[in-house]
Amino acid sequence: MSDIFREVDEEIRHERYKKLWDRFGLWLLMAAFLIVVGTAGYRGWQYWQAQQAAEAGDLFLQAVALSNEGKQVEAQELFGKLEDATGGYPMLARMRAATSKAEAGDVEAALAEFDAIASDSALTQLYRDIATLRAAYLAMDTEDYAAMEKRLSTLAGDGNQWRFLAREALAFSAWKAGDMDATRRWLDGIVKAEGAPAEVVGRANLLLDLVNASQGAPKEGSNS
């Protein structure tokens, strides 16, 4: 008797499944098809992205190598081809192209490009800060201390990750301008602060020694 009930139960379930299949089978097949196609498409897109990134990386390294060899025209051409590359290569190429211009002697064009990056609100703050610092180093030979302070005042503030390099640049600029008080203030902001990189502290102490020696003053703040 139990076998009969089991067979009837199975027949009822089979009939239910058949009705469900007749009603939703086509939609299930379409959903399965879309899942397969979507997965394949996503995998294909990932592969394409990886290939594009690899090609962009190779092109960037070729451009850097040409720049290091002094072939700035060829390097600029390759950097230009990375404007529409994937990932961070467009920005890396843009910055390296500006550096290449400076190395070729076109400091004015390089400075203009770094200033353009620094003022581009569409970029992340990291890129803008790096460009600001790079521009300041290029401008140090041609701009006075007041202009340098305007460029770097934000970066030199407490809490900014670039503060020690910014303070070092401002100290050198003040020293060139003959403003020893400002020079000491910026150097103290390096040698007396916590977390300053050892190489920056070392350079700051050397400049502080020069300032103290030129004024016959004691070596306040010097660690050397």
Protein backbone atom coordinates (compact mmCIF):
# COMPACT_ATOMS: atom_id res chain seq x y z
CA MET A 1 0.00 0.00 0.00
CA SER A 2 2.85 2.41 0.85
CA ASP A 3 4.27 1.88 -2.64
CA ILE A 4 1.01 3.03 -4.17
CA PHE A 5 0.97 6.19 -2.05
CA ARG A 6 4.60 6.88 -2.95
CA GLU A 7 3.91 6.43 -6.65
CA VAL A 8 0.89 8.71 -6.45
CA ASP A 9 2.90 11.31 -4.57
CA GLU A 10 5.68 11.18 -7.16
CA GLU A 11 3.14 11.44 -9.96
CA ILE A 12 1.60 14.52 -8.35
CA ARG A 13 5.03 16.14 -7.90
CA HIS A 14 5.95 15.28 -11.48
CA GLU A 15 2.72 16.89 -12.69
CA ARG A 16 3.47 20.01 -10.63
CA TYR A 17 6.99 20.26 -12.01
CA LYS A 18 5.66 19.84 -15.53
CA LYS A 19 3.16 22.65 -15.03
CA LEU A 20 5.86 24.87 -13.57
CA TRP A 21 8.17 24.06 -16.46
CA ASP A 22 5.45 24.75 -19.00
CA ARG A 23 4.83 28.09 -17.34
CA PHE A 24 8.34 29.27 -16.45
CA GLY A 25 10.71 26.99 -18.39
CA LEU A 26 11.43 29.49 -21.15
CA TRP A 27 12.21 32.20 -18.61
CA LEU A 28 14.53 29.89 -16.69
CA LEU A 29 16.40 29.06 -19.89
CA MET A 30 16.71 32.74 -20.75
CA ALA A 31 17.94 33.57 -17.25
CA ALA A 32 20.54 30.79 -17.43
CA PHE A 33 21.63 32.03 -20.85
CA LEU A 34 22.01 35.59 -19.61
CA ILE A 35 24.04 34.42 -16.62
CA VAL A 36 26.42 32.50 -18.87
CA VAL A 37 26.75 35.34 -21.34
CA GLY A 38 27.17 37.91 -18.55
CA THR A 39 29.87 35.86 -16.83
CA ALA A 40 31.70 35.32 -20.10
CA GLY A 41 31.45 39.02 -20.91
CA TYR A 42 32.75 40.05 -17.51
CA ARG A 43 35.67 37.63 -17.77
CA GLY A 44 36.42 38.92 -21.24
CA TRP A 45 36.33 42.51 -20.01
CA GLN A 46 38.70 41.65 -17.15
CA TYR A 47 41.10 40.02 -19.60
CA TRP A 48 40.91 43.02 -21.92
CA GLN A 49 41.59 45.39 -19.03
CA ALA A 50 44.59 43.36 -17.95
CA GLN A 51 45.95 43.35 -21.50
CA GLN A 52 45.44 47.10 -21.84
CA ALA A 53 47.15 47.75 -18.51
CA ALA A 54 50.10 45.56 -19.48
CA GLU A 55 50.49 47.34 -22.81
CA ALA A 56 50.23 50.75 -21.11
CA GLY A 57 52.85 49.71 -18.57
CA ASP A 58 55.25 48.60 -21.30
CA LEU A 59 54.71 51.84 -23.20
CA PHE A 60 55.28 53.92 -20.07
CA LEU A 61 58.55 52.14 -19.30
CA GLN A 62 59.71 52.63 -22.89
CA ALA A 63 58.95 56.34 -22.64
CA VAL A 64 60.82 56.66 -19.33
CA ALA A 65 63.81 54.82 -20.80
CA LEU A 66 63.89 57.19 -23.77
CA SER A 67 63.67 60.17 -21.44
CA ASN A 68 66.55 58.84 -19.34
CA GLU A 69 68.58 58.47 -22.54
CA GLY A 70 67.99 62.12 -23.36
CA LYS A 71 65.61 61.35 -26.24
CA GLN A 72 62.96 63.74 -25.00
CA VAL A 73 61.10 64.20 -28.30
CA GLU A 74 60.58 60.45 -28.68
CA ALA A 75 59.66 60.16 -25.00
CA GLN A 76 57.04 62.92 -25.29
CA GLU A 77 55.47 61.12 -28.24
CA LEU A 78 55.06 57.91 -26.25
CA PHE A 79 53.78 59.74 -23.17
CA GLY A 80 51.16 61.34 -25.38
CA LYS A 81 49.89 57.93 -26.45
CA LEU A 82 49.01 57.14 -22.83
CA GLU A 83 46.42 59.91 -22.46
CA ASP A 84 43.56 57.43 -22.86
CA ALA A 85 45.22 54.44 -21.20
CA THR A 86 43.56 52.47 -18.41
CA GLY A 87 44.34 52.82 -14.71
CA GLY A 88 46.67 55.51 -13.41
CA TYR A 89 48.95 55.56 -16.45
CA PRO A 90 47.47 58.74 -17.99
CA MET A 91 48.36 60.75 -14.88
CA LEU A 92 51.76 59.07 -14.49
CA ALA A 93 52.51 59.82 -18.12
CA ARG A 94 51.34 63.41 -17.74
CA MET A 95 53.63 64.02 -14.78
CA ARG A 96 56.57 62.20 -16.30
CA ALA A 97 56.10 64.12 -19.55
CA ALA A 98 56.31 67.38 -17.59
CA THR A 99 59.51 66.17 -15.93
CA SER A 100 60.86 65.23 -19.33
CA LYS A 101 60.22 68.78 -20.55
CA ALA A 102 62.17 70.15 -17.59
CA GLU A 103 65.05 67.77 -18.30
CA ALA A 104 65.05 68.98 -21.90
CA GLY A 105 65.48 72.55 -20.65
CA ASP A 106 61.92 73.73 -21.21
CA VAL A 107 61.30 74.58 -17.56
CA GLU A 108 58.56 77.07 -18.37
CA ALA A 109 56.47 74.44 -20.16
CA ALA A 110 57.11 71.90 -17.41
CA LEU A 111 56.10 74.39 -14.73
CA ALA A 112 52.92 75.25 -16.60
CA GLU A 113 51.99 71.57 -16.86
CA PHE A 114 52.59 70.88 -13.17
CA ASP A 115 50.59 73.98 -12.25
CA ALA A 116 47.76 72.76 -14.48
CA ILE A 117 47.75 69.39 -12.72
CA ALA A 118 47.86 71.04 -9.29
CA SER A 119 44.81 73.18 -10.09
CA ASP A 120 42.77 70.40 -11.71
CA SER A 121 39.88 69.81 -9.30
CA ALA A 122 38.91 66.62 -11.14
CA LEU A 123 42.06 64.90 -9.87
CA THR A 124 42.63 63.34 -6.47
CA GLN A 125 44.37 65.48 -3.88
CA LEU A 126 47.40 63.19 -3.88
CA TYR A 127 48.19 63.94 -7.52
CA ARG A 128 47.54 67.63 -7.03
CA ASP A 129 49.85 67.83 -4.00
CA ILE A 130 52.65 66.03 -5.81
CA ALA A 131 52.31 68.39 -8.75
CA THR A 132 52.32 71.40 -6.41
CA LEU A 133 55.54 70.23 -4.78
CA ARG A 134 57.18 69.42 -8.11
CA ALA A 135 56.23 72.81 -9.51
CA ALA A 136 57.68 74.55 -6.46
CA TYR A 137 61.04 72.86 -6.92
CA LEU A 138 61.10 73.97 -10.55
CA ALA A 139 60.07 77.51 -9.62
CA MET A 140 62.66 77.89 -6.87
CA ASP A 141 65.31 79.30 -9.23
CA THR A 142 63.04 81.92 -10.77
CA GLU A 143 60.46 82.91 -8.14
CA ASP A 144 61.01 84.90 -4.95
CA TYR A 145 60.34 83.70 -1.43
CA ALA A 146 56.88 85.30 -1.26
CA ALA A 147 55.79 83.39 -4.36
CA MET A 148 57.23 80.15 -3.01
CA GLU A 149 55.44 80.64 0.30
CA LYS A 150 52.18 81.14 -1.58
CA ARG A 151 52.77 77.92 -3.49
CA LEU A 152 53.67 75.77 -0.52
CA SER A 153 51.91 77.22 2.51
CA THR A 154 49.17 74.58 2.43
CA LEU A 155 51.55 71.67 1.98
CA ALA A 156 53.81 72.93 4.76
CA GLY A 157 51.03 72.87 7.35
CA ASP A 158 50.90 70.38 10.20
CA GLY A 159 49.30 67.10 9.23
CA ASN A 160 50.09 67.27 5.52
CA GLN A 161 52.06 64.25 4.37
CA TRP A 162 54.38 66.43 2.27
CA ARG A 163 55.04 69.01 4.99
CA PHE A 164 58.71 68.23 5.54
CA LEU A 165 59.65 68.46 1.86
CA ALA A 166 57.58 71.65 1.56
CA ARG A 167 59.29 73.15 4.62
CA GLU A 168 62.69 72.22 3.23
CA ALA A 169 61.92 73.97 -0.06
CA LEU A 170 60.68 77.05 1.80
CA ALA A 171 63.79 77.08 3.98
CA PHE A 172 66.07 77.07 0.93
CA SER A 173 63.98 79.77 -0.73
CA ALA A 174 64.10 81.97 2.39
CA TRP A 175 67.84 81.38 2.68
CA LYS A 176 68.36 82.47 -0.94
CA ALA A 177 66.31 85.59 -0.21
CA GLY A 178 68.47 86.37 2.83
CA ASP A 179 65.58 85.97 5.27
CA MET A 180 67.37 84.10 8.03
CA ASP A 181 64.46 84.27 10.48
CA ALA A 182 62.17 82.52 8.03
CA THR A 183 64.94 80.06 7.20
CA ARG A 184 65.35 79.12 10.86
CA ARG A 185 61.60 78.84 11.35
CA TRP A 186 61.17 76.37 8.51
CA LEU A 187 64.24 74.38 9.49
CA ASP A 188 63.05 74.18 13.08
CA GLY A 189 59.79 72.84 11.68
CA ILE A 190 61.81 69.92 10.38
CA VAL A 191 64.48 69.15 12.97
CA LYS A 192 62.21 69.67 15.98
CA ALA A 193 59.21 67.83 14.57
CA GLU A 194 58.36 64.18 15.01
CA GLY A 195 58.26 61.88 12.02
CA ALA A 196 60.58 63.80 9.72
CA PRO A 197 62.56 61.54 7.32
CA ALA A 198 66.18 61.15 8.37
CA GLU A 199 67.56 62.39 5.05
CA VAL A 200 65.46 65.56 5.22
CA VAL A 201 66.55 66.18 8.82
CA GLY A 202 70.16 65.69 7.74
CA ARG A 203 69.89 68.29 4.98
CA ALA A 204 68.05 70.67 7.32
CA ASN A 205 70.81 70.39 9.90
CA LEU A 206 73.45 71.14 7.27
CA LEU A 207 71.65 74.29 6.19
CA LEU A 208 71.06 75.24 9.82
CA ASP A 209 74.80 74.90 10.44
CA LEU A 210 75.47 77.26 7.52
CA VAL A 211 72.98 79.80 8.82
CA ASN A 212 74.41 79.65 12.33
CA ALA A 213 77.98 79.90 11.07
CA SER A 214 77.20 82.89 8.87
CA GLN A 215 75.60 84.71 11.81
CA GLY A 216 78.00 83.49 14.48
CA ALA A 217 75.04 82.06 16.42
CA PRO A 218 74.85 78.87 18.49
CA LYS A 219 73.53 75.83 16.71
CA GLU A 220 70.05 75.82 18.08
CA GLY A 221 67.99 72.86 16.92
CA SER A 222 70.92 71.22 15.17
CA ASN A 223 71.32 67.51 15.79
CA SER A 224 74.70 67.24 14.17
